[in-house]
């Protein structure tokens, strides 16, 4: 069967192909360079000849190969810095624009202060919301590698992510949500970064953000039209997506870290996040409308997973488990029955947690006290 010869260059034409790649950009952004390298390499062997018969590369060919390898492989450390720089530039503009829009400074006050300062010029690109989310997703892929996660933290990445996520009314919710997702990836199974998070007070900031995003009462639901353009960004997290990511980030920041787990469980704010995420509501039935709404299934599932990790951890003590007695009791009475819990995964996870507690002989008395609800 005849084969086309226009796609893969022959050995005799590889210099022209080299010139073609160079003229098309020859940089890390040129994905075609990788395809060109493959095609060029295939010209030297078809896989049927012994390697000893393969033509030796000339010095010029070697230089071309080195050029493509150098410019085709992305230095993820440098890429991480570029992403941060671009994000910082666009977010800085957002913050300044929001401050200018909310300023109530009168013309007389401006005269007292003197002439306004010149706007700081920056060569970073103006990114759209989708651009920023895309860069944060790329960043998340990079920091999955533990060494890059450490490098990112050393660059001040933790306060950057937490600070950006906390900018309600300024930074779009998808961007803030992506920042929290990066933080979760950054800290998971990484004691070095977990320690940075603990020492920075980021967990308390995340807890504060969790409650700021929690709807309270019916008047908050579906009220995105009120308050103009900023209302959409400041509207509470009705669907639970953002709060579930906050819980995930807190979970990744402390799980497997002895001091982290201990500090979180001993914290009133930490336990309140768990209670709220599960759906424990304080007060009587008459004033639930003024309290916190029942959390969506995505948040209940994420919170239940976190609680299970805390109270079945190798480091879990009787005292720790007793701190979560209200949660355990609520799970037994309200999260196992089809009548009170509609989400099958929540019911299954709740039963699995109780089973592990029984196997570990942890706080069995509390489970026994609720046995009617469990078996009924």
Protein backbone atom coordinates (compact mmCIF):
# COMPACT_ATOMS: atom_id res chain seq x y z
CA UNK A 1 0.00 0.00 0.00
CA UNK A 2 1.36 3.38 -0.95
CA UNK A 3 2.07 5.70 1.97
CA UNK A 4 1.85 9.48 1.84
CA UNK A 5 5.19 11.23 2.14
CA UNK A 6 3.92 14.73 2.97
CA UNK A 7 3.47 14.16 6.72
CA UNK A 8 6.72 12.60 7.93
CA UNK A 9 9.85 14.27 6.58
CA UNK A 10 12.54 12.04 5.14
CA UNK A 11 16.10 11.99 6.39
CA UNK A 12 17.18 14.13 3.51
CA UNK A 13 14.70 16.89 4.37
CA UNK A 14 15.13 17.14 8.14
CA UNK A 15 17.06 20.43 7.89
CA UNK A 16 14.14 22.02 6.08
CA UNK A 17 11.86 20.67 8.77
CA UNK A 18 14.15 22.24 11.37
CA UNK A 19 13.75 25.56 9.63
CA UNK A 20 9.97 25.12 9.56
CA UNK A 21 9.78 24.57 13.33
CA UNK A 22 12.04 27.52 13.99
CA UNK A 23 9.91 29.78 11.80
CA UNK A 24 6.73 28.64 13.55
CA UNK A 25 7.89 29.92 16.91
CA UNK A 26 10.17 27.30 18.39
CA UNK A 27 9.14 28.07 21.98
CA UNK A 28 7.45 26.30 24.88
CA UNK A 29 4.03 27.52 23.76
CA UNK A 30 4.39 25.82 20.36
CA UNK A 31 2.81 22.45 20.96
CA UNK A 32 3.56 21.58 17.34
CA UNK A 33 7.26 21.44 18.22
CA UNK A 34 6.64 18.20 20.10
CA UNK A 35 4.76 16.74 17.18
CA UNK A 36 7.53 17.94 14.85
CA UNK A 37 10.15 16.28 17.03
CA UNK A 38 8.25 13.01 16.93
CA UNK A 39 7.87 13.14 13.16
CA UNK A 40 11.51 14.09 12.69
CA UNK A 41 12.65 11.25 14.97
CA UNK A 42 10.46 8.76 13.17
CA UNK A 43 12.29 9.64 9.97
CA UNK A 44 15.43 8.00 11.38
CA UNK A 45 13.86 4.65 12.16
CA UNK A 46 10.64 2.84 11.36
CA UNK A 47 10.95 0.40 14.24
CA UNK A 48 11.78 -2.53 11.97
CA UNK A 49 15.55 -2.04 11.68
CA UNK A 50 18.04 -3.00 14.41
CA UNK A 51 19.23 0.01 16.39
CA UNK A 52 22.78 -0.68 15.18
CA UNK A 53 21.68 0.18 11.65
CA UNK A 54 20.14 3.51 12.64
CA UNK A 55 21.90 6.49 11.09
CA UNK A 56 24.14 8.46 13.47
CA UNK A 57 23.09 12.04 14.16
CA UNK A 58 25.25 14.88 12.95
CA UNK A 59 26.33 17.71 15.26
CA UNK A 60 23.76 19.96 13.62
CA UNK A 61 21.05 17.38 14.27
CA UNK A 62 22.12 17.08 17.90
CA UNK A 63 21.92 20.84 18.36
CA UNK A 64 18.45 20.86 16.84
CA UNK A 65 17.34 18.08 19.19
CA UNK A 66 18.75 19.92 22.21
CA UNK A 67 16.94 23.10 21.14
CA UNK A 68 13.59 21.34 20.85
CA UNK A 69 14.02 19.54 24.16
CA UNK A 70 15.00 22.75 25.93
CA UNK A 71 12.20 24.86 24.50
CA UNK A 72 9.56 22.15 24.40
CA UNK A 73 9.81 21.10 28.06
CA UNK A 74 8.11 23.43 30.51
CA UNK A 75 10.04 24.36 33.66
CA UNK A 76 7.20 23.95 36.12
CA UNK A 77 8.98 25.97 38.79
CA UNK A 78 9.23 28.95 36.46
CA UNK A 79 5.72 28.31 35.18
CA UNK A 80 4.42 28.45 38.74
CA UNK A 81 6.05 31.86 39.24
CA UNK A 82 4.59 33.13 35.96
CA UNK A 83 1.10 31.99 36.95
CA UNK A 84 1.40 33.69 40.33
CA UNK A 85 2.67 36.88 38.75
CA UNK A 86 -0.16 36.98 36.21
CA UNK A 87 -2.79 36.22 38.84
CA UNK A 88 -1.38 38.80 41.23
CA UNK A 89 -1.51 41.48 38.53
CA UNK A 90 -5.15 40.86 37.64
CA UNK A 91 -6.28 40.44 41.24
CA UNK A 92 -4.49 43.63 42.23
CA UNK A 93 -6.41 45.48 39.55
CA UNK A 94 -9.66 43.96 40.81
CA UNK A 95 -9.01 45.07 44.38
CA UNK A 96 -8.06 48.58 43.32
CA UNK A 97 -11.10 48.91 41.08
CA UNK A 98 -13.37 47.75 43.89
CA UNK A 99 -11.76 50.23 46.29
CA UNK A 100 -12.15 53.05 43.79
CA UNK A 101 -15.80 52.16 43.14
CA UNK A 102 -16.57 52.13 46.84
CA UNK A 103 -14.69 55.29 47.65
CA UNK A 104 -16.72 58.20 49.01
CA UNK A 105 -13.88 60.67 49.05
CA UNK A 106 -15.09 64.19 48.20
CA UNK A 107 -13.26 66.55 45.86
CA UNK A 108 -12.31 68.77 48.80
CA UNK A 109 -10.69 65.83 50.57
CA UNK A 110 -8.76 65.01 47.42
CA UNK A 111 -7.43 68.57 47.32
CA UNK A 112 -6.18 68.22 50.88
CA UNK A 113 -4.42 64.99 50.01
CA UNK A 114 -2.90 66.55 46.90
CA UNK A 115 -2.75 65.10 43.43
CA UNK A 116 -3.60 61.44 43.16
CA UNK A 117 -0.74 59.06 42.64
CA UNK A 118 -0.06 57.79 39.17
CA UNK A 119 -1.52 54.40 38.49
CA UNK A 120 1.15 51.76 38.81
CA UNK A 121 1.94 50.30 35.43
CA UNK A 122 2.21 46.57 35.04
CA UNK A 123 3.09 44.32 32.16
CA UNK A 124 0.93 41.44 33.37
CA UNK A 125 -2.01 40.51 31.12
CA UNK A 126 -5.58 41.39 32.03
CA UNK A 127 -7.17 38.03 32.77
CA UNK A 128 -10.83 37.15 32.53
CA UNK A 129 -12.57 35.12 35.21
CA UNK A 130 -12.24 31.99 33.08
CA UNK A 131 -8.54 32.74 32.49
CA UNK A 132 -7.89 32.94 36.22
CA UNK A 133 -9.79 29.73 36.94
CA UNK A 134 -7.80 28.02 34.19
CA UNK A 135 -4.46 29.21 35.62
CA UNK A 136 -5.46 28.07 39.12
CA UNK A 137 -6.34 24.63 37.76
CA UNK A 138 -2.93 24.48 36.11
CA UNK A 139 -1.33 25.58 39.36
CA UNK A 140 -3.21 22.86 41.19
CA UNK A 141 -1.74 20.26 38.83
CA UNK A 142 1.77 21.59 39.49
CA UNK A 143 1.55 21.60 43.30
CA UNK A 144 0.38 17.99 43.35
CA UNK A 145 4.12 17.28 43.34
CA UNK A 146 5.33 17.65 46.90
CA UNK A 147 8.52 19.55 46.04
CA UNK A 148 6.62 22.14 44.01
CA UNK A 149 4.07 22.39 46.83
CA UNK A 150 6.89 23.28 49.22
CA UNK A 151 8.30 25.79 46.74
CA UNK A 152 4.87 27.36 46.30
CA UNK A 153 4.45 27.70 50.06
CA UNK A 154 7.91 29.28 50.29
CA UNK A 155 6.77 31.91 47.76
CA UNK A 156 3.96 32.96 50.12
CA UNK A 157 1.36 30.81 48.41
CA UNK A 158 -0.70 29.98 51.52
CA UNK A 159 -1.60 33.57 52.51
CA UNK A 160 -2.16 34.38 48.83
CA UNK A 161 -4.71 31.59 48.40
CA UNK A 162 -6.49 32.20 51.69
CA UNK A 163 -6.51 35.96 51.18
CA UNK A 164 -7.92 35.69 47.68
CA UNK A 165 -10.59 33.22 48.81
CA UNK A 166 -11.66 35.63 51.54
CA UNK A 167 -12.26 38.58 49.18
CA UNK A 168 -16.05 38.33 49.09
CA UNK A 169 -17.60 41.01 46.91
CA UNK A 170 -14.33 41.66 45.08
CA UNK A 171 -13.09 38.38 43.61
CA UNK A 172 -15.60 36.23 41.66
CA UNK A 173 -16.78 33.14 43.50
CA UNK A 174 -15.39 30.64 40.92
CA UNK A 175 -11.91 32.14 41.38
CA UNK A 176 -12.19 32.03 45.17
CA UNK A 177 -13.43 28.46 44.99
CA UNK A 178 -10.46 27.50 42.79
CA UNK A 179 -8.05 29.06 45.31
CA UNK A 180 -9.47 26.85 48.05
CA UNK A 181 -9.19 23.80 45.80
CA UNK A 182 -5.49 24.59 45.23
CA UNK A 183 -5.00 24.92 49.00
CA UNK A 184 -6.51 21.47 49.54
CA UNK A 185 -4.14 19.92 47.00
CA UNK A 186 -1.21 21.88 48.40
CA UNK A 187 -1.63 20.58 51.96
CA UNK A 188 -2.79 17.02 51.45
CA UNK A 189 -0.27 14.53 52.85
CA UNK A 190 2.32 17.32 53.06
CA UNK A 191 3.38 17.86 56.70
CA UNK A 192 5.68 20.76 55.79
CA UNK A 193 2.89 22.81 54.21
CA UNK A 194 0.38 21.67 56.84
CA UNK A 195 2.62 23.17 59.51
CA UNK A 196 2.74 26.46 57.59
CA UNK A 197 -1.06 26.53 57.43
CA UNK A 198 -1.37 25.82 61.15
CA UNK A 199 1.13 28.49 62.16
CA UNK A 200 -0.37 31.10 59.84
CA UNK A 201 -3.83 30.98 61.39
CA UNK A 202 -5.33 30.03 58.03
CA UNK A 203 -7.68 27.48 59.61
CA UNK A 204 -9.43 30.20 61.62
CA UNK A 205 -9.73 32.34 58.50
CA UNK A 206 -11.28 29.41 56.64
CA UNK A 207 -13.70 28.80 59.51
CA UNK A 208 -14.74 32.47 59.45
CA UNK A 209 -15.22 32.26 55.69
CA UNK A 210 -17.30 29.09 56.09
CA UNK A 211 -19.77 30.85 58.35
CA UNK A 212 -19.78 33.99 56.20
CA UNK A 213 -20.84 31.77 53.29
CA UNK A 214 -23.52 29.93 55.29
CA UNK A 215 -27.10 31.01 54.45
CA UNK A 216 -29.19 32.01 57.44
CA UNK A 217 -32.95 32.00 57.10
CA UNK A 218 -35.18 31.92 54.05
CA UNK A 219 -34.54 35.53 53.12
CA UNK A 220 -31.09 34.66 51.80
CA UNK A 221 -32.17 31.98 49.35
CA UNK A 222 -32.55 33.13 45.75
CA UNK A 223 -31.81 36.74 46.63
CA UNK A 224 -29.05 37.24 44.06
CA UNK A 225 -30.91 40.05 42.34
CA UNK A 226 -30.70 42.30 45.35
CA UNK A 227 -27.86 44.72 45.79
CA UNK A 228 -26.64 45.15 42.23
CA UNK A 229 -23.61 43.57 40.63
CA UNK A 230 -21.74 42.77 43.84
CA UNK A 231 -24.73 40.85 45.24
CA UNK A 232 -23.87 37.79 43.15
CA UNK A 233 -20.39 37.61 44.67
CA UNK A 234 -21.54 38.25 48.25
CA UNK A 235 -24.58 35.96 48.12
CA UNK A 236 -24.14 33.04 50.55
CA UNK A 237 -23.13 29.63 49.26
CA UNK A 238 -26.62 28.21 48.85
CA UNK A 239 -25.64 25.10 46.88
CA UNK A 240 -22.84 24.19 49.31
CA UNK A 241 -20.12 23.92 46.66
CA UNK A 242 -17.82 26.55 48.13
CA UNK A 243 -18.35 25.45 51.74
CA UNK A 244 -17.66 21.83 50.84
CA UNK A 245 -14.33 22.93 49.37
CA UNK A 246 -13.56 24.88 52.54
CA UNK A 247 -14.22 21.75 54.61
CA UNK A 248 -12.04 19.74 52.21
CA UNK A 249 -9.20 22.25 52.53
CA UNK A 250 -9.44 22.16 56.34
CA UNK A 251 -9.52 18.37 56.23
CA UNK A 252 -6.44 18.16 53.98
CA UNK A 253 -4.65 20.67 56.22
CA UNK A 254 -4.95 18.59 59.40
CA UNK A 255 -5.52 14.93 58.51
CA UNK A 256 -2.48 12.84 59.30
CA UNK A 257 -0.88 15.71 61.21
CA UNK A 258 -0.90 14.97 64.94
CA UNK A 259 -0.75 18.58 66.07
CA UNK A 260 -3.14 19.68 63.35
CA UNK A 261 -5.83 17.18 64.30
CA UNK A 262 -5.41 17.97 67.98
CA UNK A 263 -5.66 21.73 67.47
CA UNK A 264 -8.68 21.48 65.19
CA UNK A 265 -10.64 19.19 67.51
CA UNK A 266 -9.84 21.35 70.56
CA UNK A 267 -11.06 24.46 68.75
CA UNK A 268 -14.65 25.58 69.27
CA UNK A 269 -14.63 27.05 65.78
CA UNK A 270 -13.44 23.80 64.24
CA UNK A 271 -16.13 21.72 65.95
CA UNK A 272 -18.77 24.28 64.99
CA UNK A 273 -17.80 23.92 61.33
CA UNK A 274 -18.37 20.16 61.63
CA UNK A 275 -21.69 20.62 63.41
CA UNK A 276 -22.91 23.18 60.90
CA UNK A 277 -21.73 21.12 57.92
CA UNK A 278 -23.64 18.07 59.16
CA UNK A 279 -26.80 20.08 59.77
CA UNK A 280 -27.03 20.38 63.53
CA UNK A 281 -29.29 23.36 64.14
CA UNK A 282 -29.41 25.14 67.49
CA UNK A 283 -32.64 26.42 68.97
CA UNK A 284 -36.18 25.13 68.73
CA UNK A 285 -38.08 24.18 65.60
CA UNK A 286 -39.92 27.49 65.82
CA UNK A 287 -36.80 29.56 65.18
CA UNK A 288 -35.02 27.43 62.60
CA UNK A 289 -36.03 29.95 59.95
CA UNK A 290 -33.80 32.47 61.71
CA UNK A 291 -30.94 30.01 62.00
CA UNK A 292 -28.80 28.12 59.51
CA UNK A 293 -30.43 26.24 56.67
CA UNK A 294 -30.06 22.47 56.26
CA UNK A 295 -26.80 22.00 54.33
CA UNK A 296 -26.90 20.47 50.83
CA UNK A 297 -25.89 16.79 50.40
CA UNK A 298 -22.47 17.69 48.91
CA UNK A 299 -21.57 19.51 52.11
CA UNK A 300 -22.98 16.85 54.44
CA UNK A 301 -20.97 14.17 52.63
CA UNK A 302 -17.72 16.14 52.79
CA UNK A 303 -18.20 17.02 56.47
CA UNK A 304 -19.08 13.46 57.43
CA UNK A 305 -15.94 12.18 55.73
CA UNK A 306 -13.85 14.71 57.69
CA UNK A 307 -15.50 13.81 61.00
CA UNK A 308 -14.94 10.11 60.37
CA UNK A 309 -11.25 10.76 59.75
CA UNK A 310 -10.93 12.71 63.00
CA UNK A 311 -12.67 10.28 65.34
CA UNK A 312 -11.30 7.05 63.83
CA UNK A 313 -7.75 8.37 63.48
CA UNK A 314 -4.92 6.45 65.14
CA UNK A 315 -4.43 9.56 67.29
CA UNK A 316 -8.08 9.79 68.35
CA UNK A 317 -8.55 9.65 72.10
CA UNK A 318 -11.66 9.09 74.18
CA UNK A 319 -11.62 12.78 75.08
CA UNK A 320 -11.49 13.81 71.43
CA UNK A 321 -14.38 11.55 70.47
CA UNK A 322 -16.49 12.85 73.35
CA UNK A 323 -16.07 16.39 72.02
CA UNK A 324 -18.07 15.23 69.00
CA UNK A 325 -20.81 13.44 70.95
CA UNK A 326 -23.50 15.86 69.65
CA UNK A 327 -22.43 15.05 66.10
CA UNK A 328 -22.42 11.29 66.70
CA UNK A 329 -25.84 11.44 68.29
CA UNK A 330 -27.17 13.50 65.39
CA UNK A 331 -25.81 10.99 62.89
CA UNK A 332 -27.50 8.14 64.73
CA UNK A 333 -30.88 9.86 64.94
CA UNK A 334 -31.04 11.96 61.76
CA UNK A 335 -28.62 10.69 59.11
CA UNK A 336 -29.23 6.94 58.85
CA UNK A 337 -32.91 6.63 58.03
CA UNK A 338 -34.45 7.17 54.60
CA UNK A 339 -37.15 9.21 56.32
CA UNK A 340 -34.69 11.76 57.72
CA UNK A 341 -31.78 11.55 55.24
CA UNK A 342 -32.50 11.49 51.52
CA UNK A 343 -28.91 11.03 50.34
CA UNK A 344 -27.90 7.37 50.13
CA UNK A 345 -24.16 8.14 50.22
CA UNK A 346 -24.57 10.12 53.44
CA UNK A 347 -26.45 7.22 55.05
CA UNK A 348 -23.84 4.71 53.90
CA UNK A 349 -20.93 6.85 55.13
CA UNK A 350 -22.64 7.40 58.48
CA UNK A 351 -23.16 3.66 58.99
CA UNK A 352 -19.58 2.98 57.95
CA UNK A 353 -18.30 5.47 60.52
CA UNK A 354 -20.32 3.88 63.32
CA UNK A 355 -19.09 0.43 62.29
CA UNK A 356 -15.47 1.58 62.48
CA UNK A 357 -16.08 3.12 65.89
CA UNK A 358 -17.50 -0.18 67.15
CA UNK A 359 -14.57 -2.14 65.70
CA UNK A 360 -12.17 0.26 67.43
CA UNK A 361 -14.26 0.13 70.62
CA UNK A 362 -14.54 3.92 70.56
CA UNK A 363 -17.42 5.60 72.38
CA UNK A 364 -19.61 2.52 72.02
CA UNK A 365 -21.80 3.77 74.87
CA UNK A 366 -23.02 6.71 72.80
CA UNK A 367 -23.89 4.40 69.92
CA UNK A 368 -25.61 1.97 72.28
CA UNK A 369 -27.68 4.81 73.70
CA UNK A 370 -28.98 5.51 70.21
CA UNK A 371 -29.39 1.86 69.17
CA UNK A 372 -33.13 2.19 68.63
CA UNK A 373 -32.56 4.90 66.05
CA UNK A 374 -29.69 2.96 64.46
CA UNK A 375 -31.48 -0.39 64.05
CA UNK A 376 -34.95 1.09 63.61
